Amino acid sequence: MPSSSNYFNKLADRNRSMAEHGFDHFPDDGELLDYLIETNDKVDLLAGALGMRIEKDTRGRFRVAPGREGMR
């Protein structure tokens, strides 16, 4: 049987992680979707700044590929 201290340690770790990602409370579905879209935009921006792009391969896995200007 798990101990109560283990439960509270995990809860404290989760709260710390949430705070590190900008949440001061447990987010609802809308807040999580906004966070996901914002994070996706940042990843796309970073890839573009590095001359790369993010795409899915034929198996549906994401991969990094040369940017449009690198495909001449």
C-alpha atoms as a PDB file:
ATOM      1  CA  MET A   1       0.000   0.000   0.000  1.00  0.00           C
ATOM      2  CA  PRO A   2       1.452   3.392  -0.987  1.00  0.00           C
ATOM      3  CA  SER A   3       2.334   5.685   1.858  1.00  0.00           C
ATOM      4  CA  SER A   4       0.738   9.093   2.282  1.00  0.00           C
ATOM      5  CA  SER A   5       4.153  10.767   2.191  1.00  0.00           C
ATOM      6  CA  ASN A   6       4.783   9.259  -1.250  1.00  0.00           C
ATOM      7  CA  TYR A   7       1.414  10.589  -2.467  1.00  0.00           C
ATOM      8  CA  PHE A   8       2.114  14.084  -1.148  1.00  0.00           C
ATOM      9  CA  ASN A   9       5.651  14.076  -2.571  1.00  0.00           C
ATOM     10  CA  LYS A  10       4.244  13.248  -6.018  1.00  0.00           C
ATOM     11  CA  LEU A  11       1.610  15.955  -5.636  1.00  0.00           C
ATOM     12  CA  ALA A  12       4.292  18.499  -4.672  1.00  0.00           C
ATOM     13  CA  ASP A  13       6.419  17.434  -7.665  1.00  0.00           C
ATOM     14  CA  ARG A  14       3.428  17.823  -9.995  1.00  0.00           C
ATOM     15  CA  ASN A  15       2.650  21.283  -8.599  1.00  0.00           C
ATOM     16  CA  ARG A  16       6.301  22.296  -9.017  1.00  0.00           C
ATOM     17  CA  SER A  17       6.284  21.065 -12.618  1.00  0.00           C
ATOM     18  CA  MET A  18       3.066  22.930 -13.353  1.00  0.00           C
ATOM     19  CA  ALA A  19       4.569  26.141 -11.941  1.00  0.00           C
ATOM     20  CA  GLU A  20       7.707  25.675 -14.076  1.00  0.00           C
ATOM     21  CA  HIS A  21       5.456  25.571 -17.139  1.00  0.00           C
ATOM     22  CA  GLY A  22       3.561  28.716 -16.202  1.00  0.00           C
ATOM     23  CA  PHE A  23       0.503  27.256 -14.484  1.00  0.00           C
ATOM     24  CA  ASP A  24      -0.419  28.368 -10.972  1.00  0.00           C
ATOM     25  CA  HIS A  25      -3.301  25.865 -10.849  1.00  0.00           C
ATOM     26  CA  PHE A  26      -4.412  22.699 -12.621  1.00  0.00           C
ATOM     27  CA  PRO A  27      -5.397  23.872 -16.118  1.00  0.00           C
ATOM     28  CA  ASP A  28      -8.682  23.010 -17.745  1.00  0.00           C
ATOM     29  CA  ASP A  29      -8.946  21.542 -21.254  1.00  0.00           C
ATOM     30  CA  GLY A  30      -9.040  24.960 -22.926  1.00  0.00           C
ATOM     31  CA  GLU A  31      -5.913  26.158 -21.144  1.00  0.00           C
ATOM     32  CA  LEU A  32      -4.075  22.959 -22.061  1.00  0.00           C
ATOM     33  CA  LEU A  33      -5.074  23.325 -25.713  1.00  0.00           C
ATOM     34  CA  ASP A  34      -3.873  26.950 -25.741  1.00  0.00           C
ATOM     35  CA  TYR A  35      -0.570  25.850 -24.173  1.00  0.00           C
ATOM     36  CA  LEU A  36      -0.162  23.078 -26.755  1.00  0.00           C
ATOM     37  CA  ILE A  37      -0.807  25.421 -29.672  1.00  0.00           C
ATOM     38  CA  GLU A  38       1.597  28.026 -28.259  1.00  0.00           C
ATOM     39  CA  THR A  39       4.288  25.376 -27.767  1.00  0.00           C
ATOM     40  CA  ASN A  40       3.752  24.051 -31.301  1.00  0.00           C
ATOM     41  CA  ASP A  41       4.130  27.578 -32.701  1.00  0.00           C
ATOM     42  CA  LYS A  42       7.401  28.017 -30.780  1.00  0.00           C
ATOM     43  CA  VAL A  43       8.791  24.714 -32.094  1.00  0.00           C
ATOM     44  CA  ASP A  44       7.846  25.654 -35.672  1.00  0.00           C
ATOM     45  CA  LEU A  45       9.436  29.091 -35.218  1.00  0.00           C
ATOM     46  CA  LEU A  46      12.639  27.554 -33.861  1.00  0.00           C
ATOM     47  CA  ALA A  47      12.796  25.038 -36.706  1.00  0.00           C
ATOM     48  CA  GLY A  48      12.259  27.824 -39.247  1.00  0.00           C
ATOM     49  CA  ALA A  49      14.999  29.947 -37.675  1.00  0.00           C
ATOM     50  CA  LEU A  50      17.359  26.982 -38.053  1.00  0.00           C
ATOM     51  CA  GLY A  51      16.376  26.527 -41.702  1.00  0.00           C
ATOM     52  CA  MET A  52      14.447  23.353 -40.942  1.00  0.00           C
ATOM     53  CA  ARG A  53      10.811  22.260 -40.802  1.00  0.00           C
ATOM     54  CA  ILE A  54       8.854  19.669 -38.839  1.00  0.00           C
ATOM     55  CA  GLU A  55       6.922  17.114 -40.879  1.00  0.00           C
ATOM     56  CA  LYS A  56       5.351  13.687 -40.565  1.00  0.00           C
ATOM     57  CA  ASP A  57       6.903  10.735 -42.338  1.00  0.00           C
ATOM     58  CA  THR A  58       4.884   7.978 -44.005  1.00  0.00           C
ATOM     59  CA  ARG A  59       4.487   6.168 -40.669  1.00  0.00           C
ATOM     60  CA  GLY A  60       3.041   9.278 -39.007  1.00  0.00           C
ATOM     61  CA  ARG A  61       6.145  10.038 -36.944  1.00  0.00           C
ATOM     62  CA  PHE A  62       7.400  13.580 -36.713  1.00  0.00           C
ATOM     63  CA  ARG A  63      10.828  14.331 -38.146  1.00  0.00           C
ATOM     64  CA  VAL A  64      13.006  17.334 -38.888  1.00  0.00           C
ATOM     65  CA  ALA A  65      13.619  18.040 -42.581  1.00  0.00           C
ATOM     66  CA  PRO A  66      15.447  20.737 -44.503  1.00  0.00           C
ATOM     67  CA  GLY A  67      13.434  23.920 -44.899  1.00  0.00           C
ATOM     68  CA  ARG A  68      11.796  24.941 -48.169  1.00  0.00           C
ATOM     69  CA  GLU A  69      14.826  26.937 -49.287  1.00  0.00           C
ATOM     70  CA  GLY A  70      17.020  23.855 -48.788  1.00  0.00           C
ATOM     71  CA  MET A  71      14.905  21.772 -51.197  1.00  0.00           C
ATOM     72  CA  ARG A  72      16.022  23.416 -54.480  1.00  0.00           C
END
